[in-house]
Amino acid sequence: MSKKKTKREKHVPIRMCIVTKKRKPKNELMRFVRVDGKVIVDPKGKARGRGANITMNLDLFDEASKKHLIEKALNLDKKLTPEEISILRKDFQAAIEEKKFRKGSKPVVVRVGKNGKAELIDKK
């Protein structure tokens, strides 16, 4: 009697958005981290420090900044300045575009042909 090997499903970590309060898989959210009193965007989700997650939508980021949800979630001593919020917004937008381009954390290879056209190749 031999046992059939079944393929195990990979564990998907679940996190909660600080704006919508909905639970989603970690890769569908963008993480903000407090590092030495500063707030940074952590697109890979691996930076050390206290973190807060927001759904990847600029409207939700704007709502979080208006209601000071980022400061509350990260236990900041002072409120973020408008300059800091605008920098975070730009970083947030860039990180969203990068995540959509990369399709998760897979490495990406771009091959340029002789005709000068670039083609995307997913490494597996």
N, C-alpha and C. Protein backbone atom coordinates (compact mmCIF):
# COMPACT_ATOMS: atom_id res chain seq x y z
N MET A 1 0.83 -1.18 0.00
CA MET A 1 0.00 0.00 0.00
C MET A 1 0.88 1.25 0.00
N SER A 2 0.77 1.97 -1.03
CA SER A 2 1.54 3.22 -1.10
C SER A 2 0.60 4.41 -0.94
N LYS A 3 1.11 5.40 -0.25
CA LYS A 3 0.32 6.60 -0.05
C LYS A 3 0.53 7.55 -1.22
N LYS A 4 -0.53 8.17 -1.62
CA LYS A 4 -0.42 9.16 -2.68
C LYS A 4 0.03 10.47 -2.06
N LYS A 5 1.00 11.09 -2.71
CA LYS A 5 1.47 12.38 -2.23
C LYS A 5 0.58 13.47 -2.80
N THR A 6 0.00 14.24 -1.91
CA THR A 6 -0.82 15.36 -2.36
C THR A 6 -0.02 16.64 -2.20
N LYS A 7 -0.23 17.53 -3.12
CA LYS A 7 0.49 18.80 -3.08
C LYS A 7 -0.16 19.71 -2.04
N ARG A 8 0.66 20.15 -1.09
CA ARG A 8 0.15 21.03 -0.04
C ARG A 8 -0.05 22.43 -0.57
N GLU A 9 -1.11 23.05 -0.11
CA GLU A 9 -1.35 24.44 -0.48
C GLU A 9 -0.43 25.32 0.35
N LYS A 10 0.13 26.32 -0.29
CA LYS A 10 1.04 27.22 0.38
C LYS A 10 0.24 28.16 1.29
N HIS A 11 0.77 28.40 2.48
CA HIS A 11 0.14 29.31 3.43
C HIS A 11 0.19 30.74 2.91
N VAL A 12 -0.93 31.42 2.94
CA VAL A 12 -0.98 32.81 2.50
C VAL A 12 -1.23 33.69 3.72
N PRO A 13 -0.27 34.56 4.09
CA PRO A 13 -0.49 35.42 5.24
C PRO A 13 -1.58 36.45 4.97
N ILE A 14 -2.42 36.68 5.95
CA ILE A 14 -3.54 37.62 5.84
C ILE A 14 -3.25 38.83 6.72
N ARG A 15 -3.48 40.02 6.18
CA ARG A 15 -3.30 41.27 6.92
C ARG A 15 -4.57 42.11 6.78
N MET A 16 -4.71 43.15 7.63
CA MET A 16 -5.89 44.00 7.60
C MET A 16 -5.52 45.40 7.14
N CYS A 17 -6.31 45.95 6.24
CA CYS A 17 -6.13 47.32 5.77
C CYS A 17 -6.57 48.27 6.88
N ILE A 18 -5.77 49.30 7.16
CA ILE A 18 -6.10 50.22 8.26
C ILE A 18 -7.23 51.17 7.89
N VAL A 19 -7.58 51.27 6.60
CA VAL A 19 -8.64 52.18 6.17
C VAL A 19 -9.96 51.43 6.08
N THR A 20 -9.99 50.34 5.32
CA THR A 20 -11.25 49.62 5.09
C THR A 20 -11.55 48.58 6.16
N LYS A 21 -10.54 48.19 6.94
CA LYS A 21 -10.65 47.16 7.98
C LYS A 21 -10.98 45.78 7.40
N LYS A 22 -10.72 45.61 6.10
CA LYS A 22 -10.94 44.31 5.47
C LYS A 22 -9.66 43.50 5.51
N ARG A 23 -9.80 42.20 5.70
CA ARG A 23 -8.65 41.30 5.72
C ARG A 23 -8.40 40.80 4.30
N LYS A 24 -7.14 40.91 3.88
CA LYS A 24 -6.75 40.51 2.53
C LYS A 24 -5.41 39.81 2.59
N PRO A 25 -5.06 39.06 1.53
CA PRO A 25 -3.71 38.48 1.47
C PRO A 25 -2.65 39.57 1.48
N LYS A 26 -1.54 39.28 2.08
CA LYS A 26 -0.46 40.25 2.27
C LYS A 26 0.00 40.87 0.95
N ASN A 27 0.00 40.08 -0.14
CA ASN A 27 0.51 40.60 -1.41
C ASN A 27 -0.46 41.57 -2.09
N GLU A 28 -1.68 41.73 -1.59
CA GLU A 28 -2.64 42.68 -2.14
C GLU A 28 -2.60 44.01 -1.41
N LEU A 29 -1.76 44.12 -0.39
CA LEU A 29 -1.67 45.34 0.41
C LEU A 29 -0.28 45.94 0.30
N MET A 30 -0.19 47.24 0.60
CA MET A 30 1.11 47.92 0.64
C MET A 30 1.40 48.25 2.10
N ARG A 31 2.63 48.03 2.50
CA ARG A 31 3.02 48.19 3.90
C ARG A 31 3.78 49.49 4.11
N PHE A 32 3.45 50.19 5.17
CA PHE A 32 4.19 51.35 5.64
C PHE A 32 4.88 50.95 6.93
N VAL A 33 6.12 51.41 7.11
CA VAL A 33 6.90 51.01 8.28
C VAL A 33 7.46 52.24 8.97
N ARG A 34 7.45 52.21 10.31
CA ARG A 34 8.10 53.25 11.10
C ARG A 34 9.51 52.76 11.41
N VAL A 35 10.50 53.51 10.91
CA VAL A 35 11.90 53.18 11.14
C VAL A 35 12.59 54.43 11.69
N ASP A 36 13.05 54.36 12.93
CA ASP A 36 13.74 55.48 13.58
C ASP A 36 12.93 56.77 13.51
N GLY A 37 11.62 56.68 13.75
CA GLY A 37 10.77 57.86 13.78
C GLY A 37 10.32 58.34 12.41
N LYS A 38 10.82 57.73 11.34
CA LYS A 38 10.41 58.11 9.99
C LYS A 38 9.48 57.03 9.44
N VAL A 39 8.63 57.43 8.50
CA VAL A 39 7.71 56.48 7.86
C VAL A 39 8.19 56.27 6.43
N ILE A 40 8.30 55.00 6.04
CA ILE A 40 8.70 54.67 4.68
C ILE A 40 7.73 53.64 4.10
N VAL A 41 7.69 53.58 2.77
CA VAL A 41 6.90 52.58 2.08
C VAL A 41 7.76 51.34 1.92
N ASP A 42 7.18 50.18 2.23
CA ASP A 42 7.92 48.92 2.17
C ASP A 42 7.23 47.99 1.16
N PRO A 43 7.57 48.10 -0.14
CA PRO A 43 6.86 47.29 -1.13
C PRO A 43 7.08 45.79 -1.00
N LYS A 44 8.22 45.37 -0.48
CA LYS A 44 8.49 43.94 -0.34
C LYS A 44 7.91 43.37 0.96
N GLY A 45 7.60 44.25 1.93
CA GLY A 45 6.99 43.80 3.17
C GLY A 45 7.95 43.11 4.11
N LYS A 46 9.24 43.41 4.01
CA LYS A 46 10.23 42.70 4.82
C LYS A 46 11.04 43.61 5.74
N ALA A 47 10.82 44.92 5.68
CA ALA A 47 11.60 45.85 6.51
C ALA A 47 11.24 45.65 7.97
N ARG A 48 12.24 45.83 8.84
CA ARG A 48 12.01 45.70 10.27
C ARG A 48 11.37 46.97 10.79
N GLY A 49 10.48 46.80 11.74
CA GLY A 49 9.82 47.94 12.36
C GLY A 49 8.32 47.74 12.42
N ARG A 50 7.65 48.67 13.08
CA ARG A 50 6.21 48.59 13.20
C ARG A 50 5.58 48.93 11.86
N GLY A 51 4.64 48.13 11.42
CA GLY A 51 4.06 48.32 10.10
C GLY A 51 2.56 48.50 10.12
N ALA A 52 2.06 49.09 9.03
CA ALA A 52 0.63 49.27 8.81
C ALA A 52 0.38 49.00 7.33
N ASN A 53 -0.74 48.36 7.02
CA ASN A 53 -1.04 47.98 5.64
C ASN A 53 -2.23 48.76 5.11
N ILE A 54 -2.12 49.14 3.82
CA ILE A 54 -3.20 49.84 3.13
C ILE A 54 -3.43 49.15 1.79
N THR A 55 -4.69 49.02 1.41
CA THR A 55 -5.02 48.49 0.10
C THR A 55 -4.40 49.38 -0.97
N MET A 56 -3.94 48.78 -2.06
CA MET A 56 -3.20 49.52 -3.09
C MET A 56 -4.15 50.39 -3.93
N ASN A 57 -4.57 51.51 -3.34
CA ASN A 57 -5.47 52.45 -4.00
C ASN A 57 -5.14 53.84 -3.48
N LEU A 58 -4.90 54.79 -4.39
CA LEU A 58 -4.51 56.14 -3.97
C LEU A 58 -5.62 56.85 -3.21
N ASP A 59 -6.88 56.56 -3.54
CA ASP A 59 -8.00 57.19 -2.81
C ASP A 59 -7.98 56.77 -1.34
N LEU A 60 -7.66 55.51 -1.09
CA LEU A 60 -7.60 55.03 0.30
C LEU A 60 -6.40 55.64 1.03
N PHE A 61 -5.29 55.85 0.32
CA PHE A 61 -4.15 56.53 0.94
C PHE A 61 -4.52 57.95 1.34
N ASP A 62 -5.23 58.65 0.44
CA ASP A 62 -5.66 60.02 0.74
C ASP A 62 -6.59 60.05 1.96
N GLU A 63 -7.49 59.08 2.04
CA GLU A 63 -8.40 59.00 3.19
C GLU A 63 -7.62 58.73 4.48
N ALA A 64 -6.62 57.85 4.40
CA ALA A 64 -5.81 57.54 5.58
C ALA A 64 -5.02 58.76 6.04
N SER A 65 -4.53 59.56 5.11
CA SER A 65 -3.76 60.74 5.49
C SER A 65 -4.67 61.83 6.07
N LYS A 66 -5.89 61.97 5.53
CA LYS A 66 -6.84 62.96 6.07
C LYS A 66 -7.27 62.62 7.49
N LYS A 67 -7.51 61.33 7.74
CA LYS A 67 -7.98 60.89 9.06
C LYS A 67 -6.84 60.58 10.01
N HIS A 68 -5.59 60.78 9.57
CA HIS A 68 -4.39 60.52 10.37
C HIS A 68 -4.31 59.06 10.83
N LEU A 69 -4.77 58.14 9.98
CA LEU A 69 -4.75 56.72 10.33
C LEU A 69 -3.35 56.13 10.31
N ILE A 70 -2.48 56.66 9.46
CA ILE A 70 -1.11 56.15 9.39
C ILE A 70 -0.39 56.46 10.70
N GLU A 71 -0.55 57.70 11.20
CA GLU A 71 0.10 58.09 12.45
C GLU A 71 -0.41 57.25 13.62
N LYS A 72 -1.72 56.99 13.63
CA LYS A 72 -2.30 56.20 14.72
C LYS A 72 -1.81 54.76 14.68
N ALA A 73 -1.79 54.17 13.48
CA ALA A 73 -1.41 52.76 13.34
C ALA A 73 0.06 52.54 13.67
N LEU A 74 0.90 53.53 13.37
CA LEU A 74 2.34 53.39 13.60
C LEU A 74 2.79 53.98 14.94
N ASN A 75 1.84 54.47 15.74
CA ASN A 75 2.13 55.07 17.05
C ASN A 75 3.19 56.17 16.96
N LEU A 76 2.98 57.10 16.03
CA LEU A 76 3.93 58.21 15.87
C LEU A 76 3.66 59.26 16.95
N ASP A 77 4.73 59.93 17.40
CA ASP A 77 4.60 60.96 18.42
C ASP A 77 3.98 62.24 17.86
N LYS A 78 4.29 62.54 16.60
CA LYS A 78 3.77 63.78 15.99
C LYS A 78 3.10 63.44 14.67
N LYS A 79 2.29 64.36 14.18
CA LYS A 79 1.60 64.16 12.92
C LYS A 79 2.56 64.37 11.76
N LEU A 80 2.29 63.72 10.65
CA LEU A 80 3.11 63.87 9.46
C LEU A 80 2.87 65.24 8.83
N THR A 81 3.94 65.86 8.36
CA THR A 81 3.81 67.16 7.70
C THR A 81 3.28 66.96 6.28
N PRO A 82 2.72 68.01 5.68
CA PRO A 82 2.25 67.88 4.28
C PRO A 82 3.35 67.45 3.31
N GLU A 83 4.58 67.88 3.55
CA GLU A 83 5.70 67.47 2.70
C GLU A 83 5.95 65.97 2.83
N GLU A 84 5.94 65.47 4.06
CA GLU A 84 6.15 64.04 4.29
C GLU A 84 5.04 63.22 3.65
N ILE A 85 3.80 63.72 3.73
CA ILE A 85 2.66 63.01 3.15
C ILE A 85 2.79 62.98 1.63
N SER A 86 3.22 64.09 1.02
CA SER A 86 3.35 64.11 -0.44
C SER A 86 4.47 63.16 -0.90
N ILE A 87 5.57 63.09 -0.14
CA ILE A 87 6.65 62.15 -0.46
C ILE A 87 6.16 60.71 -0.33
N LEU A 88 5.44 60.42 0.75
CA LEU A 88 4.89 59.07 0.95
C LEU A 88 3.92 58.70 -0.17
N ARG A 89 3.11 59.68 -0.61
CA ARG A 89 2.14 59.43 -1.68
C ARG A 89 2.86 59.06 -2.98
N LYS A 90 3.93 59.79 -3.31
CA LYS A 90 4.70 59.49 -4.51
C LYS A 90 5.34 58.11 -4.41
N ASP A 91 5.93 57.80 -3.25
CA ASP A 91 6.54 56.49 -3.04
C ASP A 91 5.50 55.38 -3.12
N PHE A 92 4.31 55.63 -2.54
CA PHE A 92 3.21 54.67 -2.56
C PHE A 92 2.78 54.38 -4.00
N GLN A 93 2.64 55.43 -4.80
CA GLN A 93 2.23 55.28 -6.19
C GLN A 93 3.29 54.51 -6.98
N ALA A 94 4.56 54.85 -6.77
CA ALA A 94 5.64 54.14 -7.47
C ALA A 94 5.69 52.67 -7.07
N ALA A 95 5.47 52.39 -5.79
CA ALA A 95 5.50 51.01 -5.31
C ALA A 95 4.33 50.20 -5.89
N ILE A 96 3.17 50.82 -6.04
CA ILE A 96 2.03 50.14 -6.65
C ILE A 96 2.35 49.77 -8.09
N GLU A 97 2.92 50.71 -8.83
CA GLU A 97 3.27 50.45 -10.24
C GLU A 97 4.32 49.34 -10.34
N GLU A 98 5.28 49.35 -9.42
CA GLU A 98 6.32 48.31 -9.43
C GLU A 98 5.72 46.94 -9.13
N LYS A 99 4.81 46.88 -8.15
CA LYS A 99 4.19 45.60 -7.80
C LYS A 99 3.35 45.06 -8.95
N LYS A 100 2.63 45.93 -9.63
CA LYS A 100 1.82 45.49 -10.77
C LYS A 100 2.71 45.01 -11.90
N PHE A 101 3.86 45.65 -12.09
CA PHE A 101 4.80 45.27 -13.15
C PHE A 101 5.42 43.92 -12.85
N ARG A 102 5.82 43.71 -11.60
CA ARG A 102 6.55 42.50 -11.24
C ARG A 102 5.66 41.28 -11.04
N LYS A 103 4.36 41.45 -10.87
CA LYS A 103 3.43 40.34 -10.63
C LYS A 103 3.86 39.51 -9.42
N GLY A 104 3.95 40.13 -8.28
CA GLY A 104 4.37 39.44 -7.07
C GLY A 104 5.84 39.67 -6.83
N SER A 105 6.55 38.64 -6.40
CA SER A 105 7.97 38.81 -6.11
C SER A 105 8.83 38.01 -7.07
N LYS A 106 8.27 37.65 -8.24
CA LYS A 106 9.03 36.89 -9.21
C LYS A 106 10.08 37.78 -9.86
N PRO A 107 11.27 37.24 -10.13
CA PRO A 107 12.26 38.02 -10.86
C PRO A 107 11.81 38.23 -12.30
N VAL A 108 12.16 39.35 -12.88
CA VAL A 108 11.75 39.67 -14.22
C VAL A 108 12.98 39.84 -15.10
N VAL A 109 12.91 39.28 -16.30
CA VAL A 109 13.99 39.42 -17.26
C VAL A 109 13.43 40.09 -18.50
N VAL A 110 14.10 41.12 -18.97
CA VAL A 110 13.71 41.80 -20.19
C VAL A 110 14.75 41.49 -21.25
N ARG A 111 14.30 40.96 -22.37
CA ARG A 111 15.21 40.63 -23.46
C ARG A 111 14.97 41.62 -24.60
N VAL A 112 16.04 42.21 -25.11
CA VAL A 112 15.95 43.13 -26.23
C VAL A 112 16.44 42.40 -27.47
N GLY A 113 15.58 42.32 -28.46
CA GLY A 113 15.92 41.63 -29.69
C GLY A 113 16.77 42.48 -30.62
N LYS A 114 17.16 41.92 -31.74
CA LYS A 114 17.99 42.63 -32.72
C LYS A 114 17.25 43.81 -33.34
N ASN A 115 15.94 43.70 -33.38
CA ASN A 115 15.14 44.78 -33.96
C ASN A 115 14.90 45.93 -32.97
N GLY A 116 15.39 45.79 -31.73
CA GLY A 116 15.26 46.84 -30.73
C GLY A 116 14.01 46.75 -29.87
N LYS A 117 13.18 45.74 -30.13
CA LYS A 117 11.96 45.59 -29.32
C LYS A 117 12.28 44.80 -28.06
N ALA A 118 11.69 45.27 -26.96
CA ALA A 118 11.90 44.60 -25.67
C ALA A 118 10.75 43.63 -25.42
N GLU A 119 11.08 42.47 -24.88
CA GLU A 119 10.04 41.51 -24.51
C GLU A 119 10.30 41.03 -23.09
N LEU A 120 9.22 40.90 -22.34
CA LEU A 120 9.28 40.49 -20.94
C LEU A 120 9.27 38.98 -20.84
N ILE A 121 10.14 38.44 -20.03
CA ILE A 121 10.22 36.99 -19.80
C ILE A 121 10.08 36.75 -18.32
N ASP A 122 9.09 35.94 -17.91
CA ASP A 122 8.94 35.58 -16.50
C ASP A 122 9.83 34.40 -16.19
N LYS A 123 10.66 34.54 -15.15
CA LYS A 123 11.47 33.42 -14.68
C LYS A 123 10.65 32.61 -13.70
N LYS A 124 10.77 31.31 -13.80
CA LYS A 124 10.00 30.46 -12.87
C LYS A 124 10.92 29.61 -12.08
